[in-house]
Amino acid sequence: MTSLVIGGTGLIGRRLCEALAHRSVGVCATSRTLSDPPAIPGVRWKKLDLATFQNWSELLQGVDRIYHMAWSTIPASAVHDPARDISD
Protein backbone atom coordinates (compact mmCIF):
# COMPACT_ATOMS: atom_id res chain seq x y z
CA MET A 1 0.00 0.00 0.00
CA THR A 2 1.23 3.52 -0.81
CA SER A 3 -0.11 6.66 0.85
CA LEU A 4 0.17 10.21 -0.43
CA VAL A 5 0.41 12.89 2.25
CA ILE A 6 -0.27 16.35 0.86
CA GLY A 7 1.20 18.86 3.29
CA GLY A 8 3.75 16.49 4.76
CA THR A 9 5.94 19.17 6.35
CA GLY A 10 3.23 20.63 8.57
CA LEU A 11 2.78 19.68 12.21
CA ILE A 12 0.12 17.01 11.62
CA GLY A 13 1.38 15.95 8.19
CA ARG A 14 4.91 15.27 9.47
CA ARG A 15 3.62 13.15 12.37
CA LEU A 16 1.38 11.24 9.97
CA CYS A 17 4.34 10.55 7.65
CA GLU A 18 6.36 9.27 10.61
CA ALA A 19 3.53 7.00 11.78
CA LEU A 20 2.89 5.58 8.31
CA ALA A 21 6.58 4.97 7.63
CA HIS A 22 6.92 3.30 11.05
CA ARG A 23 4.16 0.89 9.98
CA SER A 24 6.08 0.12 6.77
CA VAL A 25 3.49 1.83 4.59
CA GLY A 26 4.97 3.34 1.43
CA VAL A 27 4.76 7.11 1.77
CA CYS A 28 5.03 9.88 -0.81
CA ALA A 29 4.78 13.26 0.90
CA THR A 30 4.45 16.69 -0.65
CA SER A 31 5.05 20.24 0.38
CA ARG A 32 4.76 23.63 -1.29
CA THR A 33 8.18 24.57 0.07
CA LEU A 34 10.64 21.72 0.00
CA SER A 35 14.05 23.26 0.50
CA ASP A 36 14.91 21.00 3.45
CA PRO A 37 12.42 18.13 3.83
CA PRO A 38 12.30 16.23 7.11
CA ALA A 39 14.60 13.20 7.16
CA ILE A 40 12.05 10.46 7.69
CA PRO A 41 13.28 7.03 6.52
CA GLY A 42 10.93 5.49 3.98
CA VAL A 43 9.31 8.77 2.89
CA ARG A 44 9.75 10.08 -0.66
CA TRP A 45 9.32 13.85 -1.01
CA LYS A 46 7.90 15.84 -3.93
CA LYS A 47 7.37 19.56 -4.30
CA LEU A 48 3.71 20.36 -4.96
CA ASP A 49 2.01 23.75 -5.14
CA LEU A 50 -1.75 23.17 -5.18
CA ALA A 51 -2.31 26.47 -6.99
CA THR A 52 -0.27 25.48 -10.05
CA PHE A 53 0.20 21.69 -10.05
CA GLN A 54 -1.26 19.87 -13.06
CA ASN A 55 0.42 16.46 -13.26
CA TRP A 56 -2.04 14.62 -11.00
CA SER A 57 -2.16 11.38 -13.01
CA GLU A 58 1.58 10.84 -12.53
CA LEU A 59 1.51 11.81 -8.85
CA LEU A 60 -1.40 9.48 -8.10
CA GLN A 61 0.02 6.48 -9.95
CA GLY A 62 0.29 3.60 -7.48
CA VAL A 63 -1.29 5.59 -4.64
CA ASP A 64 -3.93 3.73 -2.62
CA ARG A 65 -4.77 6.38 -0.04
CA ILE A 66 -4.56 10.19 0.10
CA TYR A 67 -4.25 12.31 3.24
CA HIS A 68 -4.80 16.02 2.62
CA MET A 69 -3.05 17.94 5.39
CA ALA A 70 -2.20 21.12 3.46
CA TRP A 71 -3.69 24.30 4.87
CA SER A 72 -2.84 27.90 5.48
CA THR A 73 -1.12 28.99 8.64
CA ILE A 74 -4.41 30.55 9.75
CA PRO A 75 -7.33 28.20 8.90
CA ALA A 76 -9.96 30.91 9.51
CA SER A 77 -8.60 32.94 6.58
CA ALA A 78 -9.10 29.97 4.26
CA VAL A 79 -12.76 29.77 5.12
CA HIS A 80 -13.36 33.41 4.15
CA ASP A 81 -11.18 33.46 1.00
CA PRO A 82 -10.14 29.96 -0.18
CA ALA A 83 -8.65 31.18 -3.49
CA ARG A 84 -6.30 33.54 -1.69
CA ASP A 85 -5.39 30.81 0.80
CA ILE A 86 -4.13 28.59 -2.03
CA SER A 87 -2.13 31.37 -3.62
CA ASP A 88 -0.44 32.57 -0.39
PDB file of N, CA and C in Angstrom:
ATOM      1  N   MET A   1       0.850  -1.171   0.000  1.00  0.00           N
ATOM      2  CA  MET A   1       0.000   0.000   0.000  1.00  0.00           C
ATOM      3  C   MET A   1       0.900   1.239   0.000  1.00  0.00           C
ATOM      4  N   THR A   2       0.510   2.246  -0.771  1.00  0.00           N
ATOM      5  CA  THR A   2       1.225   3.518  -0.806  1.00  0.00           C
ATOM      6  C   THR A   2       0.267   4.646  -0.460  1.00  0.00           C
ATOM      7  N   SER A   3       0.690   5.505   0.444  1.00  0.00           N
ATOM      8  CA  SER A   3      -0.111   6.657   0.852  1.00  0.00           C
ATOM      9  C   SER A   3       0.550   7.939   0.372  1.00  0.00           C
ATOM     10  N   LEU A   4      -0.272   8.885  -0.052  1.00  0.00           N
ATOM     11  CA  LEU A   4       0.171  10.214  -0.433  1.00  0.00           C
ATOM     12  C   LEU A   4      -0.251  11.169   0.675  1.00  0.00           C
ATOM     13  N   VAL A   5       0.714  11.904   1.214  1.00  0.00           N
ATOM     14  CA  VAL A   5       0.414  12.888   2.253  1.00  0.00           C
ATOM     15  C   VAL A   5       0.676  14.263   1.660  1.00  0.00           C
ATOM     16  N   ILE A   6      -0.386  14.988   1.383  1.00  0.00           N
ATOM     17  CA  ILE A   6      -0.273  16.352   0.860  1.00  0.00           C
ATOM     18  C   ILE A   6      -0.157  17.279   2.067  1.00  0.00           C
ATOM     19  N   GLY A   7       0.932  18.027   2.117  1.00  0.00           N
ATOM     20  CA  GLY A   7       1.200  18.865   3.285  1.00  0.00           C
ATOM     21  C   GLY A   7       2.010  18.114   4.332  1.00  0.00           C
ATOM     22  N   GLY A   8       2.982  17.347   3.880  1.00  0.00           N
ATOM     23  CA  GLY A   8       3.748  16.488   4.764  1.00  0.00           C
ATOM     24  C   GLY A   8       4.740  17.188   5.670  1.00  0.00           C
ATOM     25  N   THR A   9       4.993  18.478   5.468  1.00  0.00           N
ATOM     26  CA  THR A   9       5.943  19.166   6.345  1.00  0.00           C
ATOM     27  C   THR A   9       5.258  19.934   7.475  1.00  0.00           C
ATOM     28  N   GLY A  10       3.953  19.958   7.477  1.00  0.00           N
ATOM     29  CA  GLY A  10       3.235  20.625   8.571  1.00  0.00           C
ATOM     30  C   GLY A  10       3.256  19.786   9.840  1.00  0.00           C
ATOM     31  N   LEU A  11       2.766  20.342  10.910  1.00  0.00           N
ATOM     32  CA  LEU A  11       2.776  19.679  12.214  1.00  0.00           C
ATOM     33  C   LEU A  11       2.090  18.313  12.162  1.00  0.00           C
ATOM     34  N   ILE A  12       0.872  18.267  11.670  1.00  0.00           N
ATOM     35  CA  ILE A  12       0.119  17.012  11.622  1.00  0.00           C
ATOM     36  C   ILE A  12       0.632  16.122  10.495  1.00  0.00           C
ATOM     37  N   GLY A  13       0.905  16.709   9.335  1.00  0.00           N
ATOM     38  CA  GLY A  13       1.383  15.945   8.192  1.00  0.00           C
ATOM     39  C   GLY A  13       2.683  15.221   8.478  1.00  0.00           C
ATOM     40  N   ARG A  14       3.612  15.885   9.131  1.00  0.00           N
ATOM     41  CA  ARG A  14       4.906  15.269   9.471  1.00  0.00           C
ATOM     42  C   ARG A  14       4.714  14.085  10.406  1.00  0.00           C
ATOM     43  N   ARG A  15       3.877  14.257  11.429  1.00  0.00           N
ATOM     44  CA  ARG A  15       3.622  13.153  12.370  1.00  0.00           C
ATOM     45  C   ARG A  15       2.935  11.986  11.661  1.00  0.00           C
ATOM     46  N   LEU A  16       2.049  12.295  10.739  1.00  0.00           N
ATOM     47  CA  LEU A  16       1.382  11.242   9.974  1.00  0.00           C
ATOM     48  C   LEU A  16       2.395  10.483   9.118  1.00  0.00           C
ATOM     49  N   CYS A  17       3.294  11.198   8.450  1.00  0.00           N
ATOM     50  CA  CYS A  17       4.342  10.553   7.654  1.00  0.00           C
ATOM     51  C   CYS A  17       5.180   9.621   8.515  1.00  0.00           C
ATOM     52  N   GLU A  18       5.563  10.085   9.696  1.00  0.00           N
ATOM     53  CA  GLU A  18       6.365   9.268  10.610  1.00  0.00           C
ATOM     54  C   GLU A  18       5.614   7.997  11.016  1.00  0.00           C
ATOM     55  N   ALA A  19       4.336   8.147  11.344  1.00  0.00           N
ATOM     56  CA  ALA A  19       3.532   6.998  11.779  1.00  0.00           C
ATOM     57  C   ALA A  19       3.347   5.995  10.639  1.00  0.00           C
ATOM     58  N   LEU A  20       3.070   6.484   9.451  1.00  0.00           N
ATOM     59  CA  LEU A  20       2.888   5.582   8.308  1.00  0.00           C
ATOM     60  C   LEU A  20       4.180   4.860   7.975  1.00  0.00           C
ATOM     61  N   ALA A  21       5.284   5.589   7.941  1.00  0.00           N
ATOM     62  CA  ALA A  21       6.577   4.969   7.630  1.00  0.00           C
ATOM     63  C   ALA A  21       6.944   3.941   8.699  1.00  0.00           C
ATOM     64  N   HIS A  22       6.636   4.229   9.945  1.00  0.00           N
ATOM     65  CA  HIS A  22       6.920   3.304  11.051  1.00  0.00           C
ATOM     66  C   HIS A  22       6.149   1.997  10.875  1.00  0.00           C
ATOM     67  N   ARG A  23       4.990   2.074  10.235  1.00  0.00           N
ATOM     68  CA  ARG A  23       4.157   0.891   9.982  1.00  0.00           C
ATOM     69  C   ARG A  23       4.493   0.231   8.641  1.00  0.00           C
ATOM     70  N   SER A  24       5.600   0.655   8.046  1.00  0.00           N
ATOM     71  CA  SER A  24       6.077   0.116   6.766  1.00  0.00           C
ATOM     72  C   SER A  24       5.108   0.345   5.613  1.00  0.00           C
ATOM     73  N   VAL A  25       4.349   1.420   5.695  1.00  0.00           N
ATOM     74  CA  VAL A  25       3.487   1.827   4.592  1.00  0.00           C
ATOM     75  C   VAL A  25       4.335   2.696   3.667  1.00  0.00           C
ATOM     76  N   GLY A  26       4.264   2.468   2.361  1.00  0.00           N
ATOM     77  CA  GLY A  26       4.973   3.336   1.426  1.00  0.00           C
ATOM     78  C   GLY A  26       4.390   4.736   1.500  1.00  0.00           C
ATOM     79  N   VAL A  27       5.246   5.738   1.605  1.00  0.00           N
ATOM     80  CA  VAL A  27       4.764   7.110   1.766  1.00  0.00           C
ATOM     81  C   VAL A  27       5.421   8.025   0.746  1.00  0.00           C
ATOM     82  N   CYS A  28       4.586   8.769   0.030  1.00  0.00           N
ATOM     83  CA  CYS A  28       5.026   9.877  -0.805  1.00  0.00           C
ATOM     84  C   CYS A  28       4.417  11.119  -0.169  1.00  0.00           C
ATOM     85  N   ALA A  29       5.262  12.051   0.235  1.00  0.00           N
ATOM     86  CA  ALA A  29       4.782  13.261   0.901  1.00  0.00           C
ATOM     87  C   ALA A  29       5.113  14.478   0.055  1.00  0.00           C
ATOM     88  N   THR A  30       4.259  15.473   0.130  1.00  0.00           N
ATOM     89  CA  THR A  30       4.450  16.689  -0.651  1.00  0.00           C
ATOM     90  C   THR A  30       4.467  17.913   0.254  1.00  0.00           C
ATOM     91  N   SER A  31       5.060  18.958  -0.303  1.00  0.00           N
ATOM     92  CA  SER A  31       5.054  20.240   0.378  1.00  0.00           C
ATOM     93  C   SER A  31       5.212  21.343  -0.658  1.00  0.00           C
ATOM     94  N   ARG A  32       4.626  22.482  -0.405  1.00  0.00           N
ATOM     95  CA  ARG A  32       4.762  23.635  -1.293  1.00  0.00           C
ATOM     96  C   ARG A  32       6.180  24.181  -1.249  1.00  0.00           C
ATOM     97  N   THR A  33       6.789  24.147  -0.082  1.00  0.00           N
ATOM     98  CA  THR A  33       8.179  24.568   0.065  1.00  0.00           C
ATOM     99  C   THR A  33       8.966  23.354   0.517  1.00  0.00           C
ATOM    100  N   LEU A  34       9.931  22.971  -0.274  1.00  0.00           N
ATOM    101  CA  LEU A  34      10.636  21.722   0.004  1.00  0.00           C
ATOM    102  C   LEU A  34      12.137  21.911  -0.056  1.00  0.00           C
ATOM    103  N   SER A  35      12.616  23.003   0.527  1.00  0.00           N
ATOM    104  CA  SER A  35      14.049  23.263   0.495  1.00  0.00           C
ATOM    105  C   SER A  35      14.827  22.306   1.405  1.00  0.00           C
ATOM    106  N   ASP A  36      14.250  21.906   2.518  1.00  0.00           N
ATOM    107  CA  ASP A  36      14.915  21.005   3.450  1.00  0.00           C
ATOM    108  C   ASP A  36      13.875  20.066   4.067  1.00  0.00           C
ATOM    109  N   PRO A  37      13.480  19.011   3.317  1.00  0.00           N
ATOM    110  CA  PRO A  37      12.424  18.130   3.830  1.00  0.00           C
ATOM    111  C   PRO A  37      12.881  17.362   5.062  1.00  0.00           C
ATOM    112  N   PRO A  38      11.946  17.015   5.923  1.00  0.00           N
ATOM    113  CA  PRO A  38      12.297  16.234   7.115  1.00  0.00           C
ATOM    114  C   PRO A  38      12.927  14.903   6.707  1.00  0.00           C
ATOM    115  N   ALA A  39      13.928  14.472   7.429  1.00  0.00           N
ATOM    116  CA  ALA A  39      14.598  13.199   7.158  1.00  0.00           C
ATOM    117  C   ALA A  39      13.833  12.082   7.853  1.00  0.00           C
ATOM    118  N   ILE A  40      12.844  11.552   7.147  1.00  0.00           N
ATOM    119  CA  ILE A  40      12.046  10.456   7.686  1.00  0.00           C
ATOM    120  C   ILE A  40      12.319   9.238   6.806  1.00  0.00           C
ATOM    121  N   PRO A  41      12.985   8.218   7.333  1.00  0.00           N
ATOM    122  CA  PRO A  41      13.285   7.030   6.525  1.00  0.00           C
ATOM    123  C   PRO A  41      12.019   6.413   5.933  1.00  0.00           C
ATOM    124  N   GLY A  42      12.065   6.111   4.656  1.00  0.00           N
ATOM    125  CA  GLY A  42      10.934   5.491   3.979  1.00  0.00           C
ATOM    126  C   GLY A  42       9.958   6.464   3.348  1.00  0.00           C
ATOM    127  N   VAL A  43      10.220   7.762   3.464  1.00  0.00           N
ATOM    128  CA  VAL A  43       9.309   8.769   2.893  1.00  0.00           C
ATOM    129  C   VAL A  43       9.978   9.420   1.686  1.00  0.00           C
ATOM    130  N   ARG A  44       9.308   9.376   0.539  1.00  0.00           N
ATOM    131  CA  ARG A  44       9.753  10.082  -0.664  1.00  0.00           C
ATOM    132  C   ARG A  44       9.089  11.449  -0.665  1.00  0.00           C
ATOM    133  N   TRP A  45       9.837  12.481  -1.021  1.00  0.00           N
ATOM    134  CA  TRP A  45       9.320  13.851  -1.012  1.00  0.00           C
ATOM    135  C   TRP A  45       9.195  14.402  -2.420  1.00  0.00           C
ATOM    136  N   LYS A  46       8.106  15.138  -2.664  1.00  0.00           N
ATOM    137  CA  LYS A  46       7.897  15.835  -3.931  1.00  0.00           C
ATOM    138  C   LYS A  46       7.394  17.237  -3.645  1.00  0.00           C
ATOM    139  N   LYS A  47       7.860  18.181  -4.428  1.00  0.00           N
ATOM    140  CA  LYS A  47       7.368  19.557  -4.299  1.00  0.00           C
ATOM    141  C   LYS A  47       6.032  19.652  -5.035  1.00  0.00           C
ATOM    142  N   LEU A  48       5.036  20.243  -4.378  1.00  0.00           N
ATOM    143  CA  LEU A  48       3.712  20.360  -4.963  1.00  0.00           C
ATOM    144  C   LEU A  48       3.072  21.657  -4.487  1.00  0.00           C
ATOM    145  N   ASP A  49       2.746  22.518  -5.432  1.00  0.00           N
ATOM    146  CA  ASP A  49       2.011  23.751  -5.141  1.00  0.00           C
ATOM    147  C   ASP A  49       0.596  23.539  -5.664  1.00  0.00           C
ATOM    148  N   LEU A  50      -0.368  23.452  -4.775  1.00  0.00           N
ATOM    149  CA  LEU A  50      -1.751  23.171  -5.178  1.00  0.00           C
ATOM    150  C   LEU A  50      -2.320  24.203  -6.140  1.00  0.00           C
ATOM    151  N   ALA A  51      -1.791  25.407  -6.120  1.00  0.00           N
ATOM    152  CA  ALA A  51      -2.306  26.472  -6.986  1.00  0.00           C
ATOM    153  C   ALA A  51      -1.887  26.278  -8.439  1.00  0.00           C
ATOM    154  N   THR A  52      -0.785  25.575  -8.685  1.00  0.00           N
ATOM    155  CA  THR A  52      -0.271  25.477 -10.052  1.00  0.00           C
ATOM    156  C   THR A  52      -0.052  24.046 -10.536  1.00  0.00           C
ATOM    157  N   PHE A  53      -0.116  23.067  -9.670  1.00  0.00           N
ATOM    158  CA  PHE A  53       0.202  21.693 -10.046  1.00  0.00           C
ATOM    159  C   PHE A  53      -0.827  21.138 -11.024  1.00  0.00           C
ATOM    160  N   GLN A  54      -0.348  20.424 -12.049  1.00  0.00           N
ATOM    161  CA  GLN A  54      -1.259  19.873 -13.055  1.00  0.00           C
ATOM    162  C   GLN A  54      -1.010  18.401 -13.366  1.00  0.00           C
ATOM    163  N   ASN A  55       0.064  17.822 -12.881  1.00  0.00           N
ATOM    164  CA  ASN A  55       0.420  16.458 -13.258  1.00  0.00           C
ATOM    165  C   ASN A  55      -0.121  15.426 -12.264  1.00  0.00           C
ATOM    166  N   TRP A  56      -1.423  15.484 -12.007  1.00  0.00           N
ATOM    167  CA  TRP A  56      -2.040  14.623 -11.002  1.00  0.00           C
ATOM    168  C   TRP A  56      -1.973  13.151 -11.364  1.00  0.00           C
ATOM    169  N   SER A  57      -2.145  12.802 -12.642  1.00  0.00           N
ATOM    170  CA  SER A  57      -2.164  11.383 -13.013  1.00  0.00           C
ATOM    171  C   SER A  57      -0.832  10.713 -12.669  1.00  0.00           C
ATOM    172  N   GLU A  58       0.279  11.400 -12.884  1.00  0.00           N
ATOM    173  CA  GLU A  58       1.585  10.838 -12.535  1.00  0.00           C
ATOM    174  C   GLU A  58       1.761  10.752 -11.019  1.00  0.00           C
ATOM    175  N   LEU A  59       1.365  11.791 -10.300  1.00  0.00           N
ATOM    176  CA  LEU A  59       1.512  11.812  -8.851  1.00  0.00           C
ATOM    177  C   LEU A  59       0.687  10.706  -8.191  1.00  0.00           C
ATOM    178  N   LEU A  60      -0.500  10.448  -8.710  1.00  0.00           N
ATOM    179  CA  LEU A  60      -1.401   9.480  -8.095  1.00  0.00           C
ATOM    180  C   LEU A  60      -1.160   8.040  -8.528  1.00  0.00           C
ATOM    181  N   GLN A  61      -0.256   7.831  -9.463  1.00  0.00           N
ATOM    182  CA  GLN A  61       0.022   6.481  -9.946  1.00  0.00           C
ATOM    183  C   GLN A  61       0.565   5.617  -8.805  1.00  0.00           C
ATOM    184  N   GLY A  62      -0.114   4.513  -8.539  1.00  0.00           N
ATOM    185  CA  GLY A  62       0.293   3.596  -7.482  1.00  0.00           C
ATOM    186  C   GLY A  62      -0.127   4.004  -6.080  1.00  0.00           C
ATOM    187  N   VAL A  63      -0.850   5.111  -5.955  1.00  0.00           N
ATOM    188  CA  VAL A  63      -1.295   5.589  -4.637  1.00  0.00           C
ATOM    189  C   VAL A  63      -2.631   4.944  -4.287  1.00  0.00           C
ATOM    190  N   ASP A  64      -2.705   4.381  -3.084  1.00  0.00           N
ATOM    191  CA  ASP A  64      -3.934   3.726  -2.617  1.00  0.00           C
ATOM    192  C   ASP A  64      -4.759   4.603  -1.688  1.00  0.00           C
ATOM    193  N   ARG A  65      -4.087   5.540  -1.021  1.00  0.00           N
ATOM    194  CA  ARG A  65      -4.770   6.381  -0.039  1.00  0.00           C
ATOM    195  C   ARG A  65      -4.162   7.768  -0.059  1.00  0.00           C
ATOM    196  N   ILE A  66      -5.015   8.791   0.096  1.00  0.00           N
ATOM    197  CA  ILE A  66      -4.561  10.185   0.102  1.00  0.00           C
ATOM    198  C   ILE A  66      -4.966  10.831   1.420  1.00  0.00           C
ATOM    199  N   TYR A  67      -3.995  11.517   2.036  1.00  0.00           N
ATOM    200  CA  TYR A  67      -4.252  12.314   3.237  1.00  0.00           C
ATOM    201  C   TYR A  67      -3.972  13.764   2.868  1.00  0.00           C
ATOM    202  N   HIS A  68      -4.972  14.615   2.984  1.00  0.00           N
ATOM    203  CA  HIS A  68      -4.805  16.024   2.623  1.00  0.00           C
ATOM    204  C   HIS A  68      -4.633  16.833   3.906  1.00  0.00           C
ATOM    205  N   MET A  69      -3.385  17.204   4.172  1.00  0.00           N
ATOM    206  CA  MET A  69      -3.046  17.941   5.391  1.00  0.00           C
ATOM    207  C   MET A  69      -2.604  19.371   5.093  1.00  0.00           C
ATOM    208  N   ALA A  70      -2.650  19.779   3.837  1.00  0.00           N
ATOM    209  CA  ALA A  70      -2.195  21.125   3.463  1.00  0.00           C
ATOM    210  C   ALA A  70      -3.257  22.150   3.853  1.00  0.00           C
ATOM    211  N   TRP A  71      -2.782  23.245   4.447  1.00  0.00           N
ATOM    212  CA  TRP A  71      -3.686  24.304   4.867  1.00  0.00           C
ATOM    213  C   TRP A  71      -2.866  25.566   5.059  1.00  0.00           C
ATOM    214  N   SER A  72      -3.540  26.649   5.205  1.00  0.00           N
ATOM    215  CA  SER A  72      -2.836  27.902   5.476  1.00  0.00           C
ATOM    216  C   SER A  72      -2.358  27.909   6.926  1.00  0.00           C
ATOM    217  N   THR A  73      -1.568  28.893   7.262  1.00  0.00           N
ATOM    218  CA  THR A  73      -1.118  28.987   8.643  1.00  0.00           C
ATOM    219  C   THR A  73      -2.239  29.465   9.555  1.00  0.00           C
ATOM    220  N   ILE A  74      -3.261  30.077   8.973  1.00  0.00           N
ATOM    221  CA  ILE A  74      -4.415  30.545   9.752  1.00  0.00           C
ATOM    222  C   ILE A  74      -5.677  29.983   9.093  1.00  0.00           C
ATOM    223  N   PRO A  75      -6.178  28.844   9.546  1.00  0.00           N
ATOM    224  CA  PRO A  75      -7.326  28.204   8.899  1.00  0.00           C
ATOM    225  C   PRO A  75      -8.549  29.100   8.730  1.00  0.00           C
ATOM    226  N   ALA A  76      -8.788  30.031   9.635  1.00  0.00           N
ATOM    227  CA  ALA A  76      -9.955  30.909   9.510  1.00  0.00           C
ATOM    228  C   ALA A  76      -9.901  31.744   8.239  1.00  0.00           C
ATOM    229  N   SER A  77      -8.703  32.144   7.809  1.00  0.00           N
ATOM    230  CA  SER A  77      -8.603  32.940   6.580  1.00  0.00           C
ATOM    231  C   SER A  77      -8.983  32.121   5.353  1.00  0.00           C
ATOM    232  N   ALA A  78      -8.744  30.830   5.393  1.00  0.00           N
ATOM    233  CA  ALA A  78      -9.095  29.967   4.263  1.00  0.00           C
ATOM    234  C   ALA A  78     -10.608  29.859   4.093  1.00  0.00           C
ATOM    235  N   VAL A  79     -11.310  29.875   5.172  1.00  0.00           N
ATOM    236  CA  VAL A  79     -12.764  29.772   5.119  1.00  0.00           C
ATOM    237  C   VAL A  79     -13.363  30.996   4.437  1.00  0.00           C
ATOM    238  N   HIS A  80     -12.819  32.171   4.694  1.00  0.00           N
ATOM    239  CA  HIS A  80     -13.358  33.411   4.151  1.00  0.00           C
ATOM    240  C   HIS A  80     -12.913  33.677   2.715  1.00  0.00           C
ATOM    241  N   ASP A  81     -11.713  33.208   2.340  1.00  0.00           N
ATOM    242  CA  ASP A  81     -11.183  33.460   0.995  1.00  0.00           C
ATOM    243  C   ASP A  81     -10.301  32.290   0.559  1.00  0.00           C
ATOM    244  N   PRO A  82     -10.908  31.154   0.157  1.00  0.00           N
ATOM    245  CA  PRO A  82     -10.136  29.963  -0.178  1.00  0.00           C
ATOM    246  C   PRO A  82      -9.178  30.161  -1.345  1.00  0.00           C
ATOM    247  N   ALA A  83      -9.542  30.941  -2.337  1.00  0.00           N
ATOM    248  CA  ALA A  83      -8.654  31.177  -3.490  1.00  0.00           C
ATOM    249  C   ALA A  83      -7.376  31.854  -3.049  1.00  0.00           C
ATOM    250  N   ARG A  84      -7.494  32.829  -2.192  1.00  0.00           N
ATOM    251  CA  ARG A  84      -6.302  33.535  -1.695  1.00  0.00           C
ATOM    252  C   ARG A  84      -5.448  32.618  -0.827  1.00  0.00           C
ATOM    253  N   ASP A  85      -6.099  31.740  -0.051  1.00  0.00           N
ATOM    254  CA  ASP A  85      -5.385  30.814   0.803  1.00  0.00           C
ATOM    255  C   ASP A  85      -4.474  29.913  -0.021  1.00  0.00           C
ATOM    256  N   ILE A  86      -4.934  29.450  -1.155  1.00  0.00           N
ATOM    257  CA  ILE A  86      -4.132  28.589  -2.029  1.00  0.00           C
ATOM    258  C   ILE A  86      -2.970  29.347  -2.612  1.00  0.00           C
ATOM    259  N   SER A  87      -3.180  30.611  -2.955  1.00  0.00           N
ATOM    260  CA  SER A  87      -2.126  31.374  -3.623  1.00  0.00           C
ATOM    261  C   SER A  87      -1.087  31.938  -2.654  1.00  0.00           C
ATOM    262  N   ASP A  88      -1.408  32.035  -1.368  1.00  0.00           N
ATOM    263  CA  ASP A  88      -0.444  32.575  -0.386  1.00  0.00           C
ATOM    264  C   ASP A  88       0.627  31.594  -0.044  1.00  0.00           C
TER     265      ASP A  88
END
